[in-house]
Amino acid sequence: MSSPPAQRPRPPPAPGAARPAVPPEVRRQQLLQAWADGKATLKDVRGYSDAELYAVAQAAHTYFYQGRIEEARTLFHGLFAVDPTNAYFARGMGVVEMAAGNREGALAAFDVAAKLDPRDAGILVGRAEVKLTLGQKGGAVEDLRRATQLAAPTDPAVRKAQAMLQLLTRR
């Protein structure tokens, strides 16, 4: 009985040609490893869409405006755990932490949001408000000045920053 013919290695696919599909279990393991290595988020691993996550964020907003702070807090923490690269979720976490009376947690969340999106005037205004409650007037004024430079003067966050600056810098 003869042995089966040796298999020749397959040539690489031509440029632009479709690559063979990766088996789902292999893809899942690759995503889990990327998540463990800090190169992917739980959003990537679970395959959540932006629309799905923003639907949860809408529910969190609804809870917040209904005064159901703990429910909103749970949802924003969950959203941030699923996608820690999203400044909007970090900002929402800051808002609900402040509403829950956790000023230090609110500042930490706004700090993360500002790192993720340093050009968002609203994040800086929110962080300034938290800093004021912590007695950090200088840091608040710095954030407010930066916020006024980031967007058009008609932007609501810029108008709020300007009003706050007027009050804080009166002599």
C-alpha atoms as a PDB file:
ATOM      1  CA  MET A   1       0.000   0.000   0.000  1.00  0.00           C
ATOM      2  CA  SER A   2       1.427   3.325  -0.956  1.00  0.00           C
ATOM      3  CA  SER A   3       1.319   6.450   1.158  1.00  0.00           C
ATOM      4  CA  PRO A   4      -0.884   9.349   0.090  1.00  0.00           C
ATOM      5  CA  PRO A   5       0.769  11.947  -2.083  1.00  0.00           C
ATOM      6  CA  ALA A   6       2.434  14.743  -0.159  1.00  0.00           C
ATOM      7  CA  GLN A   7       0.364  17.892  -0.114  1.00  0.00           C
ATOM      8  CA  ARG A   8       1.985  20.866  -1.694  1.00  0.00           C
ATOM      9  CA  PRO A   9       1.654  24.147   0.162  1.00  0.00           C
ATOM     10  CA  ARG A  10      -0.964  26.429  -1.258  1.00  0.00           C
ATOM     11  CA  PRO A  11       0.313  29.531  -2.948  1.00  0.00           C
ATOM     12  CA  PRO A  12      -0.667  32.784  -1.236  1.00  0.00           C
ATOM     13  CA  PRO A  13      -3.831  34.382  -2.586  1.00  0.00           C
ATOM     14  CA  ALA A  14      -3.385  36.868  -5.386  1.00  0.00           C
ATOM     15  CA  PRO A  15      -3.565  40.523  -4.330  1.00  0.00           C
ATOM     16  CA  GLY A  16      -7.199  41.522  -4.028  1.00  0.00           C
ATOM     17  CA  ALA A  17      -8.392  37.907  -3.998  1.00  0.00           C
ATOM     18  CA  ALA A  18     -10.697  36.770  -1.239  1.00  0.00           C
ATOM     19  CA  ARG A  19      -8.933  35.061   1.619  1.00  0.00           C
ATOM     20  CA  PRO A  20     -10.305  31.787   2.915  1.00  0.00           C
ATOM     21  CA  ALA A  21     -12.774  32.326   5.762  1.00  0.00           C
ATOM     22  CA  VAL A  22     -11.401  31.963   9.261  1.00  0.00           C
ATOM     23  CA  PRO A  23     -13.389  29.384  11.203  1.00  0.00           C
ATOM     24  CA  PRO A  24     -15.625  31.082  13.809  1.00  0.00           C
ATOM     25  CA  GLU A  25     -13.933  29.385  16.776  1.00  0.00           C
ATOM     26  CA  VAL A  26     -10.503  30.496  15.567  1.00  0.00           C
ATOM     27  CA  ARG A  27     -11.799  34.046  15.052  1.00  0.00           C
ATOM     28  CA  ARG A  28     -13.301  34.055  18.544  1.00  0.00           C
ATOM     29  CA  GLN A  29      -9.993  32.919  20.043  1.00  0.00           C
ATOM     30  CA  GLN A  30      -8.149  35.629  18.097  1.00  0.00           C
ATOM     31  CA  LEU A  31     -10.547  38.290  19.405  1.00  0.00           C
ATOM     32  CA  LEU A  32     -10.282  37.013  22.973  1.00  0.00           C
ATOM     33  CA  GLN A  33      -6.497  37.125  22.758  1.00  0.00           C
ATOM     34  CA  ALA A  34      -6.600  40.647  21.285  1.00  0.00           C
ATOM     35  CA  TRP A  35      -8.907  41.673  24.160  1.00  0.00           C
ATOM     36  CA  ALA A  36      -6.554  40.108  26.708  1.00  0.00           C
ATOM     37  CA  ASP A  37      -3.655  41.967  25.070  1.00  0.00           C
ATOM     38  CA  GLY A  38      -5.535  45.278  25.254  1.00  0.00           C
ATOM     39  CA  LYS A  39      -5.865  45.488  21.470  1.00  0.00           C
ATOM     40  CA  ALA A  40      -9.622  44.925  21.265  1.00  0.00           C
ATOM     41  CA  THR A  41     -12.657  45.809  23.341  1.00  0.00           C
ATOM     42  CA  LEU A  42     -15.470  43.679  24.646  1.00  0.00           C
ATOM     43  CA  LYS A  43     -17.532  45.407  21.954  1.00  0.00           C
ATOM     44  CA  ASP A  44     -15.268  43.773  19.362  1.00  0.00           C
ATOM     45  CA  VAL A  45     -15.320  40.375  21.053  1.00  0.00           C
ATOM     46  CA  ARG A  46     -19.099  40.274  21.410  1.00  0.00           C
ATOM     47  CA  GLY A  47     -19.755  41.937  18.059  1.00  0.00           C
ATOM     48  CA  TYR A  48     -21.975  44.737  19.386  1.00  0.00           C
ATOM     49  CA  SER A  49     -22.894  47.435  16.900  1.00  0.00           C
ATOM     50  CA  ASP A  50     -22.770  51.155  17.640  1.00  0.00           C
ATOM     51  CA  ALA A  51     -26.550  51.254  17.204  1.00  0.00           C
ATOM     52  CA  GLU A  52     -27.013  48.603  19.901  1.00  0.00           C
ATOM     53  CA  LEU A  53     -24.762  50.407  22.352  1.00  0.00           C
ATOM     54  CA  TYR A  54     -26.332  53.803  21.689  1.00  0.00           C
ATOM     55  CA  ALA A  55     -29.778  52.289  22.257  1.00  0.00           C
ATOM     56  CA  VAL A  56     -28.580  51.282  25.723  1.00  0.00           C
ATOM     57  CA  ALA A  57     -27.180  54.806  26.203  1.00  0.00           C
ATOM     58  CA  GLN A  58     -30.597  56.224  25.316  1.00  0.00           C
ATOM     59  CA  ALA A  59     -32.146  54.047  28.001  1.00  0.00           C
ATOM     60  CA  ALA A  60     -29.495  55.307  30.455  1.00  0.00           C
ATOM     61  CA  HIS A  61     -30.423  58.894  29.594  1.00  0.00           C
ATOM     62  CA  THR A  62     -34.083  58.133  30.121  1.00  0.00           C
ATOM     63  CA  TYR A  63     -33.347  56.663  33.558  1.00  0.00           C
ATOM     64  CA  PHE A  64     -31.189  59.679  34.403  1.00  0.00           C
ATOM     65  CA  TYR A  65     -33.906  62.172  33.470  1.00  0.00           C
ATOM     66  CA  GLN A  66     -36.443  60.146  35.446  1.00  0.00           C
ATOM     67  CA  GLY A  67     -34.216  60.464  38.498  1.00  0.00           C
ATOM     68  CA  ARG A  68     -33.325  56.765  38.420  1.00  0.00           C
ATOM     69  CA  ILE A  69     -29.645  57.487  38.954  1.00  0.00           C
ATOM     70  CA  GLU A  70     -28.583  53.985  40.034  1.00  0.00           C
ATOM     71  CA  GLU A  71     -30.068  52.409  36.902  1.00  0.00           C
ATOM     72  CA  ALA A  72     -28.430  55.048  34.697  1.00  0.00           C
ATOM     73  CA  ARG A  73     -25.163  54.540  36.559  1.00  0.00           C
ATOM     74  CA  THR A  74     -25.284  50.776  36.001  1.00  0.00           C
ATOM     75  CA  LEU A  75     -25.905  51.204  32.272  1.00  0.00           C
ATOM     76  CA  PHE A  76     -23.163  53.796  31.730  1.00  0.00           C
ATOM     77  CA  HIS A  77     -20.655  51.702  33.663  1.00  0.00           C
ATOM     78  CA  GLY A  78     -21.645  48.709  31.553  1.00  0.00           C
ATOM     79  CA  LEU A  79     -21.335  50.676  28.317  1.00  0.00           C
ATOM     80  CA  PHE A  80     -17.896  51.903  29.297  1.00  0.00           C
ATOM     81  CA  ALA A  81     -16.829  48.362  30.211  1.00  0.00           C
ATOM     82  CA  VAL A  82     -17.957  47.152  26.792  1.00  0.00           C
ATOM     83  CA  ASP A  83     -16.298  50.033  24.905  1.00  0.00           C
ATOM     84  CA  PRO A  84     -13.691  51.891  26.984  1.00  0.00           C
ATOM     85  CA  THR A  85     -12.567  53.832  23.898  1.00  0.00           C
ATOM     86  CA  ASN A  86     -15.836  55.767  23.699  1.00  0.00           C
ATOM     87  CA  ALA A  87     -15.631  59.286  25.168  1.00  0.00           C
ATOM     88  CA  TYR A  88     -19.415  59.613  25.141  1.00  0.00           C
ATOM     89  CA  PHE A  89     -19.790  56.661  27.505  1.00  0.00           C
ATOM     90  CA  ALA A  90     -17.042  57.997  29.788  1.00  0.00           C
ATOM     91  CA  ARG A  91     -18.737  61.407  29.829  1.00  0.00           C
ATOM     92  CA  GLY A  92     -22.086  59.809  30.701  1.00  0.00           C
ATOM     93  CA  MET A  93     -20.377  57.966  33.514  1.00  0.00           C
ATOM     94  CA  GLY A  94     -19.035  61.290  34.804  1.00  0.00           C
ATOM     95  CA  VAL A  95     -22.487  62.858  34.753  1.00  0.00           C
ATOM     96  CA  VAL A  96     -24.143  60.004  36.642  1.00  0.00           C
ATOM     97  CA  GLU A  97     -21.296  59.736  39.146  1.00  0.00           C
ATOM     98  CA  MET A  98     -21.706  63.432  39.926  1.00  0.00           C
ATOM     99  CA  ALA A  99     -25.468  63.007  40.261  1.00  0.00           C
ATOM    100  CA  ALA A 100     -24.855  60.093  42.628  1.00  0.00           C
ATOM    101  CA  GLY A 101     -22.644  62.305  44.788  1.00  0.00           C
ATOM    102  CA  ASN A 102     -19.396  60.601  43.841  1.00  0.00           C
ATOM    103  CA  ARG A 103     -17.343  63.680  42.936  1.00  0.00           C
ATOM    104  CA  GLU A 104     -14.009  61.846  42.798  1.00  0.00           C
ATOM    105  CA  GLY A 105     -15.494  59.178  40.532  1.00  0.00           C
ATOM    106  CA  ALA A 106     -17.041  61.875  38.359  1.00  0.00           C
ATOM    107  CA  LEU A 107     -13.693  63.648  38.002  1.00  0.00           C
ATOM    108  CA  ALA A 108     -11.963  60.380  37.095  1.00  0.00           C
ATOM    109  CA  ALA A 109     -14.604  59.639  34.436  1.00  0.00           C
ATOM    110  CA  PHE A 110     -14.363  63.155  32.964  1.00  0.00           C
ATOM    111  CA  ASP A 111     -10.548  62.853  32.952  1.00  0.00           C
ATOM    112  CA  VAL A 112     -10.848  59.679  30.880  1.00  0.00           C
ATOM    113  CA  ALA A 113     -13.394  61.295  28.562  1.00  0.00           C
ATOM    114  CA  ALA A 114     -11.101  64.296  28.048  1.00  0.00           C
ATOM    115  CA  LYS A 115      -8.203  61.998  27.157  1.00  0.00           C
ATOM    116  CA  LEU A 116     -10.375  60.104  24.681  1.00  0.00           C
ATOM    117  CA  ASP A 117     -11.766  63.272  23.057  1.00  0.00           C
ATOM    118  CA  PRO A 118      -9.684  66.334  23.976  1.00  0.00           C
ATOM    119  CA  ARG A 119     -11.604  68.513  21.498  1.00  0.00           C
ATOM    120  CA  ASP A 120     -15.038  68.116  23.117  1.00  0.00           C
ATOM    121  CA  ALA A 121     -15.927  71.392  24.843  1.00  0.00           C
ATOM    122  CA  GLY A 122     -18.820  69.765  26.698  1.00  0.00           C
ATOM    123  CA  ILE A 123     -16.491  67.303  28.409  1.00  0.00           C
ATOM    124  CA  LEU A 124     -14.289  70.147  29.619  1.00  0.00           C
ATOM    125  CA  VAL A 125     -17.269  72.107  30.937  1.00  0.00           C
ATOM    126  CA  GLY A 126     -18.524  69.038  32.809  1.00  0.00           C
ATOM    127  CA  ARG A 127     -15.089  68.444  34.278  1.00  0.00           C
ATOM    128  CA  ALA A 128     -14.870  72.111  35.294  1.00  0.00           C
ATOM    129  CA  GLU A 129     -18.168  71.809  37.153  1.00  0.00           C
ATOM    130  CA  VAL A 130     -16.846  68.805  39.066  1.00  0.00           C
ATOM    131  CA  LYS A 131     -13.570  70.589  39.827  1.00  0.00           C
ATOM    132  CA  LEU A 132     -15.510  73.518  41.269  1.00  0.00           C
ATOM    133  CA  THR A 133     -17.334  71.198  43.683  1.00  0.00           C
ATOM    134  CA  LEU A 134     -13.937  69.878  44.764  1.00  0.00           C
ATOM    135  CA  GLY A 135     -12.581  73.392  45.371  1.00  0.00           C
ATOM    136  CA  GLN A 136     -10.275  73.279  42.339  1.00  0.00           C
ATOM    137  CA  LYS A 137     -11.127  76.726  40.958  1.00  0.00           C
ATOM    138  CA  GLY A 138      -7.848  77.149  39.041  1.00  0.00           C
ATOM    139  CA  GLY A 139      -8.275  73.829  37.236  1.00  0.00           C
ATOM    140  CA  ALA A 140     -11.901  74.656  36.488  1.00  0.00           C
ATOM    141  CA  VAL A 141     -10.993  78.037  34.986  1.00  0.00           C
ATOM    142  CA  GLU A 142      -8.302  76.368  32.853  1.00  0.00           C
ATOM    143  CA  ASP A 143     -10.810  73.819  31.500  1.00  0.00           C
ATOM    144  CA  LEU A 144     -13.373  76.538  30.794  1.00  0.00           C
ATOM    145  CA  ARG A 145     -10.844  78.675  28.913  1.00  0.00           C
ATOM    146  CA  ARG A 146      -9.860  75.672  26.802  1.00  0.00           C
ATOM    147  CA  ALA A 147     -13.509  74.854  26.141  1.00  0.00           C
ATOM    148  CA  THR A 148     -14.139  78.346  24.734  1.00  0.00           C
ATOM    149  CA  GLN A 149     -11.383  77.786  22.176  1.00  0.00           C
ATOM    150  CA  LEU A 150     -12.643  74.440  20.892  1.00  0.00           C
ATOM    151  CA  ALA A 151     -15.962  75.246  19.268  1.00  0.00           C
ATOM    152  CA  ALA A 152     -17.976  78.065  17.736  1.00  0.00           C
ATOM    153  CA  PRO A 153     -19.176  80.820  20.075  1.00  0.00           C
ATOM    154  CA  THR A 154     -22.754  79.698  19.443  1.00  0.00           C
ATOM    155  CA  ASP A 155     -22.066  76.169  20.746  1.00  0.00           C
ATOM    156  CA  PRO A 156     -24.090  75.699  23.979  1.00  0.00           C
ATOM    157  CA  ALA A 157     -21.052  74.299  25.808  1.00  0.00           C
ATOM    158  CA  VAL A 158     -18.973  77.327  24.807  1.00  0.00           C
ATOM    159  CA  ARG A 159     -21.717  79.730  25.895  1.00  0.00           C
ATOM    160  CA  LYS A 160     -21.951  77.966  29.248  1.00  0.00           C
ATOM    161  CA  ALA A 161     -18.150  78.063  29.625  1.00  0.00           C
ATOM    162  CA  GLN A 162     -18.127  81.800  28.872  1.00  0.00           C
ATOM    163  CA  ALA A 163     -20.860  82.485  31.432  1.00  0.00           C
ATOM    164  CA  MET A 164     -19.083  80.438  34.072  1.00  0.00           C
ATOM    165  CA  LEU A 165     -15.790  82.201  33.342  1.00  0.00           C
ATOM    166  CA  GLN A 166     -17.444  85.602  33.775  1.00  0.00           C
ATOM    167  CA  LEU A 167     -18.699  84.599  37.202  1.00  0.00           C
ATOM    168  CA  LEU A 168     -15.441  82.970  38.288  1.00  0.00           C
ATOM    169  CA  THR A 169     -13.136  85.766  37.167  1.00  0.00           C
ATOM    170  CA  ARG A 170     -15.085  88.722  38.587  1.00  0.00           C
ATOM    171  CA  ARG A 171     -13.105  90.779  40.977  1.00  0.00           C
END
